[in-house]
Amino acid sequence: MKYLRAYKDMEPTFGELAKGLTQLKFENRSNDELFLYYHKNTDTLVVLKKGKINDPIDRARFAAISLNLEGMGVIEHIDDLGKMIEQARLKEQTAAA
């Protein structure tokens, strides 16, 4: 049985999640009210009430998204999306230094 948990208790921003989903070949179909990303190959949809680009997504929602992506075969392990976002953060910090 899998436990629902966020990678390192991560709370990514909407912008970070958008970049991660784009890397996973999701299409941005967001509108004025919804943060909406669609993965054609697996017919997977990620839908959240839209927030500002720097607003955090709480860890429970992020964990649920990660678990669903694993279940749909988009990622191999629940932590993969969190690791992608972590790597992107490290790259940004390195570039800023």
Protein backbone atom coordinates (compact mmCIF):
# COMPACT_ATOMS: atom_id res chain seq x y z
CA MET A 1 0.00 0.00 0.00
CA LYS A 2 1.33 3.43 -0.94
CA TYR A 3 1.26 6.24 1.55
CA LEU A 4 0.33 9.69 0.35
CA ARG A 5 3.27 11.97 1.03
CA ALA A 6 4.99 14.86 -0.68
CA TYR A 7 8.65 14.53 -1.61
CA LYS A 8 10.60 16.16 1.26
CA ASP A 9 7.34 17.87 2.34
CA MET A 10 7.69 20.01 -0.78
CA GLU A 11 5.19 22.76 -1.52
CA PRO A 12 6.06 23.86 -5.06
CA THR A 13 4.67 27.03 -6.58
CA PHE A 14 2.23 27.01 -9.45
CA GLY A 15 5.10 28.13 -11.69
CA GLU A 16 7.35 25.27 -10.58
CA LEU A 17 4.57 22.73 -11.07
CA ALA A 18 3.83 24.16 -14.52
CA LYS A 19 7.48 23.79 -15.55
CA GLY A 20 7.61 20.22 -14.22
CA LEU A 21 4.43 19.22 -16.02
CA THR A 22 5.69 20.80 -19.24
CA GLN A 23 8.88 18.72 -18.94
CA LEU A 24 6.65 15.66 -18.68
CA LYS A 25 4.99 16.60 -22.00
CA PHE A 26 1.79 18.05 -20.55
CA GLU A 27 -0.02 20.72 -22.57
CA ASN A 28 -1.05 23.94 -20.83
CA ARG A 29 -4.80 24.37 -21.24
CA SER A 30 -5.28 26.79 -18.35
CA ASN A 31 -7.94 29.48 -18.43
CA ASP A 32 -8.89 32.43 -16.21
CA GLU A 33 -10.21 30.19 -13.44
CA LEU A 34 -8.35 26.88 -13.71
CA PHE A 35 -4.75 25.67 -13.72
CA LEU A 36 -5.21 22.91 -16.28
CA TYR A 37 -2.58 20.63 -17.83
CA TYR A 38 -3.30 17.69 -20.14
CA HIS A 39 -1.12 14.70 -21.07
CA LYS A 40 -2.30 13.34 -24.40
CA ASN A 41 -0.53 9.95 -24.33
CA THR A 42 -2.06 8.90 -21.01
CA ASP A 43 -5.22 11.06 -21.14
CA THR A 44 -4.23 12.52 -17.76
CA LEU A 45 -5.55 15.85 -16.52
CA VAL A 46 -4.16 17.99 -13.69
CA VAL A 47 -6.74 20.55 -12.56
CA LEU A 48 -6.43 23.05 -9.73
CA LYS A 49 -8.13 26.32 -8.91
CA LYS A 50 -5.83 28.87 -10.52
CA GLY A 51 -3.36 30.70 -8.31
CA LYS A 52 -0.60 33.22 -8.90
CA ILE A 53 2.65 31.90 -10.35
CA ASN A 54 4.48 32.24 -7.01
CA ASP A 55 1.65 30.89 -4.84
CA PRO A 56 2.55 27.59 -3.17
CA ILE A 57 0.58 24.42 -3.75
CA ASP A 58 0.03 22.70 -0.42
CA ARG A 59 1.89 19.44 0.10
CA ALA A 60 -1.25 17.29 0.26
CA ARG A 61 -2.37 18.43 -3.20
CA PHE A 62 1.16 18.04 -4.55
CA ALA A 63 1.36 14.52 -3.11
CA ALA A 64 -2.00 13.63 -4.66
CA ILE A 65 -0.87 14.94 -8.06
CA SER A 66 2.38 12.97 -7.82
CA LEU A 67 0.58 9.76 -6.82
CA ASN A 68 -1.90 10.13 -9.68
CA LEU A 69 0.89 10.73 -12.20
CA GLU A 70 2.61 7.57 -10.98
CA GLY A 71 -0.63 5.62 -11.23
CA MET A 72 -1.21 6.82 -14.79
CA GLY A 73 2.33 5.88 -15.81
CA VAL A 74 3.50 9.44 -16.45
CA ILE A 75 6.25 9.07 -13.81
CA GLU A 76 7.77 5.88 -12.46
CA HIS A 77 7.85 6.82 -8.76
CA ILE A 78 5.81 9.21 -6.64
CA ASP A 79 8.97 11.24 -5.84
CA ASP A 80 10.00 11.81 -9.48
CA LEU A 81 8.09 15.08 -9.98
CA GLY A 82 9.43 16.45 -6.68
CA LYS A 83 12.97 15.52 -7.69
CA MET A 84 12.51 17.31 -11.02
CA ILE A 85 11.34 20.45 -9.25
CA GLU A 86 14.20 20.18 -6.74
CA GLN A 87 16.73 19.95 -9.61
CA ALA A 88 15.19 22.99 -11.29
CA ARG A 89 15.48 24.95 -8.02
CA LEU A 90 19.15 23.97 -7.69
CA LYS A 91 19.84 25.08 -11.28
CA GLU A 92 18.20 28.45 -10.62
CA GLN A 93 20.20 28.93 -7.40
CA THR A 94 23.44 28.01 -9.17
CA ALA A 95 22.70 30.38 -12.05
CA ALA A 96 21.91 33.21 -9.62
CA ALA A 97 25.17 32.73 -7.69
